[in-house]
């Protein structure tokens, strides 16, 4: 028989033998709460501080590299140059390119807002 310990954090119970995966409804629930909380601050410096508290240095570097990759794609820089300059796999670049090309994608919306500002 396997003994499972469960921790209670707030109203949520976490089974110590499992981790949240993308299909876990708690992922969407917590992502929604986090994004709403960040949006309410309206303070970019504070948002950056929160992200630095939440993420490891490696995760921060990865997110920064992915944002740099999207900006480079938007500027029509060749994918192989992006891979070389940022040390990012072509798979990540292709994914970013696909997302950027999707009609109505979040990337398209954010760049449209940037241009209209």
N, C-alpha and C. Protein backbone atom coordinates (compact mmCIF):
# COMPACT_ATOMS: atom_id res chain seq x y z
N UNK A 1 0.84 -1.19 0.00
CA UNK A 1 0.00 0.00 0.00
C UNK A 1 0.88 1.24 0.00
N UNK A 2 0.50 2.22 -0.82
CA UNK A 2 1.25 3.46 -0.92
C UNK A 2 0.54 4.53 -0.09
N UNK A 3 1.30 5.22 0.73
CA UNK A 3 0.73 6.31 1.52
C UNK A 3 0.95 7.61 0.76
N UNK A 4 -0.11 8.37 0.63
CA UNK A 4 -0.04 9.65 -0.07
C UNK A 4 -0.27 10.76 0.94
N UNK A 5 0.64 11.72 0.97
CA UNK A 5 0.44 12.86 1.84
C UNK A 5 -0.19 13.98 1.03
N UNK A 6 -1.04 14.72 1.67
CA UNK A 6 -1.72 15.81 0.99
C UNK A 6 -1.51 17.07 1.80
N UNK A 7 -1.16 18.15 1.14
CA UNK A 7 -1.01 19.44 1.79
C UNK A 7 -2.20 20.31 1.43
N UNK A 8 -2.60 21.14 2.34
CA UNK A 8 -3.68 22.08 2.06
C UNK A 8 -3.08 23.47 2.04
N UNK A 9 -3.30 24.16 0.93
CA UNK A 9 -2.84 25.53 0.78
C UNK A 9 -4.08 26.34 0.43
N UNK A 10 -4.51 27.19 1.36
CA UNK A 10 -5.76 27.89 1.15
C UNK A 10 -6.87 26.86 1.10
N UNK A 11 -7.66 26.89 0.04
CA UNK A 11 -8.74 25.92 -0.11
C UNK A 11 -8.32 24.76 -1.02
N UNK A 12 -7.10 24.79 -1.53
CA UNK A 12 -6.66 23.77 -2.48
C UNK A 12 -5.88 22.67 -1.77
N UNK A 13 -6.09 21.45 -2.21
CA UNK A 13 -5.36 20.32 -1.67
C UNK A 13 -4.42 19.80 -2.75
N UNK A 14 -3.16 19.64 -2.38
CA UNK A 14 -2.15 19.19 -3.32
C UNK A 14 -1.64 17.81 -2.91
N UNK A 15 -1.72 16.88 -3.82
CA UNK A 15 -1.23 15.54 -3.61
C UNK A 15 0.27 15.56 -3.88
N UNK A 16 1.08 15.16 -2.92
CA UNK A 16 2.53 15.27 -3.06
C UNK A 16 3.11 14.27 -4.06
N UNK A 17 2.31 13.35 -4.57
CA UNK A 17 2.83 12.37 -5.52
C UNK A 17 2.59 12.81 -6.96
N UNK A 18 1.90 13.90 -7.17
CA UNK A 18 1.63 14.36 -8.53
C UNK A 18 2.06 15.80 -8.68
N UNK A 19 2.23 16.21 -9.91
CA UNK A 19 2.51 17.61 -10.20
C UNK A 19 1.43 18.11 -11.15
N UNK A 20 1.26 19.40 -11.19
CA UNK A 20 0.30 19.96 -12.12
C UNK A 20 0.84 19.81 -13.53
N UNK A 21 0.02 19.27 -14.42
CA UNK A 21 0.38 19.28 -15.83
C UNK A 21 -0.61 20.17 -16.55
N UNK A 22 -0.39 20.38 -17.81
CA UNK A 22 -1.17 21.37 -18.57
C UNK A 22 -2.66 21.06 -18.59
N UNK A 23 -3.03 19.80 -18.42
CA UNK A 23 -4.45 19.41 -18.42
C UNK A 23 -5.13 19.58 -17.06
N UNK A 24 -4.36 19.86 -16.04
CA UNK A 24 -4.91 20.04 -14.70
C UNK A 24 -5.68 21.36 -14.67
N UNK A 25 -6.95 21.34 -14.27
CA UNK A 25 -7.74 22.58 -14.26
C UNK A 25 -7.16 23.66 -13.36
N UNK A 26 -6.34 23.26 -12.39
CA UNK A 26 -5.71 24.25 -11.51
C UNK A 26 -4.73 25.13 -12.28
N UNK A 27 -4.16 24.61 -13.37
CA UNK A 27 -3.23 25.41 -14.17
C UNK A 27 -3.95 26.63 -14.73
N UNK A 28 -5.07 26.39 -15.39
CA UNK A 28 -5.82 27.51 -15.97
C UNK A 28 -6.34 28.45 -14.89
N UNK A 29 -6.82 27.88 -13.80
CA UNK A 29 -7.34 28.69 -12.69
C UNK A 29 -6.26 29.61 -12.14
N UNK A 30 -5.07 29.07 -11.90
CA UNK A 30 -3.99 29.88 -11.33
C UNK A 30 -3.39 30.85 -12.34
N UNK A 31 -3.33 30.44 -13.60
CA UNK A 31 -2.84 31.34 -14.64
C UNK A 31 -3.78 32.53 -14.79
N UNK A 32 -5.08 32.26 -14.76
CA UNK A 32 -6.09 33.32 -14.84
C UNK A 32 -5.94 34.30 -13.67
N UNK A 33 -5.80 33.75 -12.48
CA UNK A 33 -5.65 34.60 -11.29
C UNK A 33 -4.38 35.43 -11.36
N UNK A 34 -3.29 34.80 -11.77
CA UNK A 34 -2.02 35.52 -11.88
C UNK A 34 -2.10 36.64 -12.90
N UNK A 35 -2.62 36.36 -14.09
CA UNK A 35 -2.68 37.39 -15.12
C UNK A 35 -3.59 38.54 -14.70
N UNK A 36 -4.71 38.22 -14.05
CA UNK A 36 -5.59 39.30 -13.56
C UNK A 36 -4.91 40.15 -12.51
N UNK A 37 -4.18 39.48 -11.61
CA UNK A 37 -3.45 40.20 -10.57
C UNK A 37 -2.39 41.11 -11.17
N UNK A 38 -1.63 40.59 -12.14
CA UNK A 38 -0.59 41.39 -12.79
C UNK A 38 -1.20 42.56 -13.56
N UNK A 39 -2.30 42.30 -14.26
CA UNK A 39 -2.94 43.36 -15.04
C UNK A 39 -3.44 44.49 -14.14
N UNK A 40 -3.91 44.16 -12.96
CA UNK A 40 -4.44 45.17 -12.04
C UNK A 40 -3.36 46.10 -11.49
N UNK A 41 -2.12 45.63 -11.44
CA UNK A 41 -1.08 46.47 -10.83
C UNK A 41 -0.80 47.70 -11.68
N UNK A 42 -0.79 47.53 -13.00
CA UNK A 42 -0.50 48.66 -13.88
C UNK A 42 0.90 49.22 -13.69
N UNK A 43 1.76 48.48 -13.04
CA UNK A 43 3.11 48.94 -12.72
C UNK A 43 4.14 47.96 -13.28
N UNK A 44 4.76 48.29 -14.42
CA UNK A 44 5.71 47.36 -15.04
C UNK A 44 6.86 46.95 -14.12
N UNK A 45 7.37 47.85 -13.31
CA UNK A 45 8.46 47.52 -12.40
C UNK A 45 8.03 46.49 -11.36
N UNK A 46 6.82 46.65 -10.85
CA UNK A 46 6.29 45.71 -9.87
C UNK A 46 6.03 44.35 -10.51
N UNK A 47 5.51 44.36 -11.74
CA UNK A 47 5.28 43.10 -12.46
C UNK A 47 6.60 42.36 -12.65
N UNK A 48 7.65 43.09 -13.02
CA UNK A 48 8.96 42.47 -13.19
C UNK A 48 9.44 41.87 -11.87
N UNK A 49 9.23 42.58 -10.77
CA UNK A 49 9.62 42.06 -9.45
C UNK A 49 8.86 40.77 -9.13
N UNK A 50 7.56 40.74 -9.43
CA UNK A 50 6.77 39.53 -9.16
C UNK A 50 7.30 38.37 -10.00
N UNK A 51 7.58 38.62 -11.27
CA UNK A 51 8.10 37.56 -12.13
C UNK A 51 9.44 37.05 -11.62
N UNK A 52 10.28 37.95 -11.14
CA UNK A 52 11.57 37.53 -10.59
C UNK A 52 11.40 36.70 -9.32
N UNK A 53 10.33 36.94 -8.56
CA UNK A 53 10.04 36.13 -7.37
C UNK A 53 9.50 34.75 -7.76
N UNK A 54 8.70 34.71 -8.81
CA UNK A 54 8.05 33.46 -9.22
C UNK A 54 8.97 32.51 -9.99
N UNK A 55 9.84 33.07 -10.81
CA UNK A 55 10.60 32.28 -11.77
C UNK A 55 12.06 32.13 -11.36
N UNK A 56 12.67 31.04 -11.80
CA UNK A 56 14.11 30.87 -11.61
C UNK A 56 14.84 31.77 -12.60
N UNK A 57 16.12 31.96 -12.40
CA UNK A 57 16.91 32.76 -13.33
C UNK A 57 16.88 32.15 -14.73
N UNK A 58 16.91 30.83 -14.80
CA UNK A 58 16.87 30.15 -16.10
C UNK A 58 15.52 30.38 -16.80
N UNK A 59 14.44 30.35 -16.03
CA UNK A 59 13.11 30.59 -16.61
C UNK A 59 12.98 32.04 -17.09
N UNK A 60 13.53 32.97 -16.34
CA UNK A 60 13.51 34.38 -16.74
C UNK A 60 14.28 34.55 -18.05
N UNK A 61 15.47 33.94 -18.12
CA UNK A 61 16.28 34.03 -19.35
C UNK A 61 15.54 33.41 -20.53
N UNK A 62 14.85 32.30 -20.30
CA UNK A 62 14.11 31.63 -21.37
C UNK A 62 12.98 32.52 -21.88
N UNK A 63 12.23 33.10 -20.96
CA UNK A 63 11.12 33.98 -21.36
C UNK A 63 11.66 35.20 -22.11
N UNK A 64 12.74 35.78 -21.62
CA UNK A 64 13.33 36.96 -22.28
C UNK A 64 13.80 36.59 -23.69
N UNK A 65 14.41 35.40 -23.84
CA UNK A 65 14.88 34.96 -25.16
C UNK A 65 13.70 34.72 -26.10
N UNK A 66 12.62 34.17 -25.58
CA UNK A 66 11.44 33.93 -26.43
C UNK A 66 10.82 35.25 -26.89
N UNK A 67 10.80 36.24 -26.01
CA UNK A 67 10.28 37.56 -26.41
C UNK A 67 11.20 38.19 -27.46
N UNK A 68 12.50 38.07 -27.25
CA UNK A 68 13.46 38.59 -28.24
C UNK A 68 13.26 37.89 -29.59
N UNK A 69 12.98 36.61 -29.56
CA UNK A 69 12.76 35.85 -30.78
C UNK A 69 11.51 36.35 -31.52
N UNK A 70 10.43 36.61 -30.79
CA UNK A 70 9.21 37.10 -31.43
C UNK A 70 9.45 38.47 -32.06
N UNK A 71 10.16 39.34 -31.35
CA UNK A 71 10.47 40.66 -31.91
C UNK A 71 11.34 40.53 -33.16
N UNK A 72 12.30 39.62 -33.13
CA UNK A 72 13.18 39.41 -34.29
C UNK A 72 12.37 38.88 -35.48
N UNK A 73 11.46 37.96 -35.22
CA UNK A 73 10.60 37.45 -36.30
C UNK A 73 9.76 38.58 -36.89
N UNK A 74 9.24 39.43 -36.03
CA UNK A 74 8.42 40.57 -36.48
C UNK A 74 9.24 41.49 -37.37
N UNK A 75 10.54 41.60 -37.10
CA UNK A 75 11.43 42.45 -37.89
C UNK A 75 11.98 41.73 -39.12
N UNK A 76 11.46 40.50 -39.37
CA UNK A 76 11.81 39.71 -40.56
C UNK A 76 13.27 39.26 -40.57
N UNK A 77 13.87 39.09 -39.40
CA UNK A 77 15.24 38.57 -39.31
C UNK A 77 15.17 37.07 -39.63
N UNK A 78 16.08 36.56 -40.45
CA UNK A 78 16.05 35.14 -40.82
C UNK A 78 16.13 34.23 -39.59
N UNK A 79 15.38 33.13 -39.65
CA UNK A 79 15.29 32.22 -38.52
C UNK A 79 16.64 31.66 -38.10
N UNK A 80 17.49 31.33 -39.04
CA UNK A 80 18.80 30.77 -38.67
C UNK A 80 19.67 31.81 -37.96
N UNK A 81 19.54 33.07 -38.34
CA UNK A 81 20.28 34.14 -37.65
C UNK A 81 19.76 34.30 -36.23
N UNK A 82 18.45 34.23 -36.06
CA UNK A 82 17.85 34.31 -34.72
C UNK A 82 18.37 33.17 -33.86
N UNK A 83 18.37 31.96 -34.42
CA UNK A 83 18.85 30.78 -33.69
C UNK A 83 20.29 30.99 -33.25
N UNK A 84 21.12 31.50 -34.15
CA UNK A 84 22.53 31.72 -33.86
C UNK A 84 22.71 32.83 -32.82
N UNK A 85 22.02 33.95 -33.02
CA UNK A 85 22.17 35.10 -32.12
C UNK A 85 21.66 34.84 -30.71
N UNK A 86 20.54 34.13 -30.61
CA UNK A 86 19.90 33.94 -29.30
C UNK A 86 20.15 32.57 -28.69
N UNK A 87 20.75 31.66 -29.45
CA UNK A 87 20.98 30.32 -28.94
C UNK A 87 19.67 29.57 -28.70
N UNK A 88 18.72 29.80 -29.59
CA UNK A 88 17.39 29.18 -29.48
C UNK A 88 17.25 28.13 -30.57
N UNK A 89 16.57 27.03 -30.24
CA UNK A 89 16.36 25.97 -31.23
C UNK A 89 15.42 26.44 -32.33
N UNK A 90 15.61 25.87 -33.50
CA UNK A 90 14.72 26.19 -34.62
C UNK A 90 13.28 25.79 -34.31
N UNK A 91 13.08 24.77 -33.50
CA UNK A 91 11.72 24.36 -33.11
C UNK A 91 10.99 25.49 -32.39
N UNK A 92 11.67 26.15 -31.47
CA UNK A 92 11.05 27.28 -30.75
C UNK A 92 10.78 28.43 -31.71
N UNK A 93 11.69 28.64 -32.64
CA UNK A 93 11.53 29.73 -33.60
C UNK A 93 10.34 29.46 -34.52
N UNK A 94 10.22 28.22 -34.98
CA UNK A 94 9.09 27.85 -35.85
C UNK A 94 7.78 28.02 -35.08
N UNK A 95 7.76 27.61 -33.83
CA UNK A 95 6.56 27.78 -33.02
C UNK A 95 6.20 29.26 -32.89
N UNK A 96 7.19 30.09 -32.58
CA UNK A 96 6.95 31.53 -32.48
C UNK A 96 6.46 32.12 -33.78
N UNK A 97 7.03 31.66 -34.89
CA UNK A 97 6.63 32.14 -36.21
C UNK A 97 5.18 31.76 -36.50
N UNK A 98 4.82 30.54 -36.17
CA UNK A 98 3.44 30.08 -36.37
C UNK A 98 2.46 30.91 -35.56
N UNK A 99 2.81 31.17 -34.30
CA UNK A 99 1.94 31.96 -33.44
C UNK A 99 1.80 33.39 -33.96
N UNK A 100 2.90 33.93 -34.45
CA UNK A 100 2.89 35.30 -34.97
C UNK A 100 2.02 35.42 -36.22
N UNK A 101 1.94 34.35 -37.01
CA UNK A 101 1.16 34.36 -38.25
C UNK A 101 -0.32 34.07 -38.05
N UNK A 102 -0.69 33.54 -36.88
CA UNK A 102 -2.10 33.19 -36.64
C UNK A 102 -2.95 34.45 -36.68
N UNK A 103 -4.04 34.42 -37.45
CA UNK A 103 -4.94 35.58 -37.47
C UNK A 103 -5.49 35.86 -36.07
N UNK A 104 -5.39 37.10 -35.64
CA UNK A 104 -5.91 37.50 -34.34
C UNK A 104 -5.11 37.00 -33.15
N UNK A 105 -3.87 36.54 -33.39
CA UNK A 105 -3.05 36.03 -32.27
C UNK A 105 -2.71 37.15 -31.29
N UNK A 106 -2.38 36.75 -30.08
CA UNK A 106 -1.99 37.72 -29.06
C UNK A 106 -0.77 38.51 -29.52
N UNK A 107 0.15 37.86 -30.24
CA UNK A 107 1.33 38.58 -30.74
C UNK A 107 0.91 39.66 -31.73
N UNK A 108 0.03 39.34 -32.64
CA UNK A 108 -0.43 40.34 -33.60
C UNK A 108 -1.10 41.51 -32.88
N UNK A 109 -1.90 41.20 -31.88
CA UNK A 109 -2.60 42.25 -31.14
C UNK A 109 -1.64 43.15 -30.40
N UNK A 110 -0.62 42.56 -29.78
CA UNK A 110 0.30 43.39 -29.00
C UNK A 110 1.14 44.28 -29.91
N UNK A 111 1.54 43.76 -31.09
CA UNK A 111 2.31 44.58 -32.01
C UNK A 111 1.44 45.66 -32.63
N UNK A 112 0.17 45.40 -32.86
CA UNK A 112 -0.75 46.40 -33.38
C UNK A 112 -0.93 47.53 -32.37
N UNK A 113 -1.04 47.17 -31.08
CA UNK A 113 -1.16 48.19 -30.03
C UNK A 113 0.10 49.03 -29.95
N UNK A 114 1.27 48.36 -30.07
CA UNK A 114 2.55 49.05 -30.03
C UNK A 114 2.64 50.10 -31.15
N UNK A 115 2.22 49.71 -32.33
CA UNK A 115 2.31 50.60 -33.47
C UNK A 115 1.35 51.77 -33.37
N UNK A 116 0.20 51.57 -32.72
CA UNK A 116 -0.77 52.64 -32.60
C UNK A 116 -0.48 53.59 -31.43
N UNK A 117 0.48 53.23 -30.58
CA UNK A 117 0.81 54.07 -29.42
C UNK A 117 1.69 55.22 -29.80
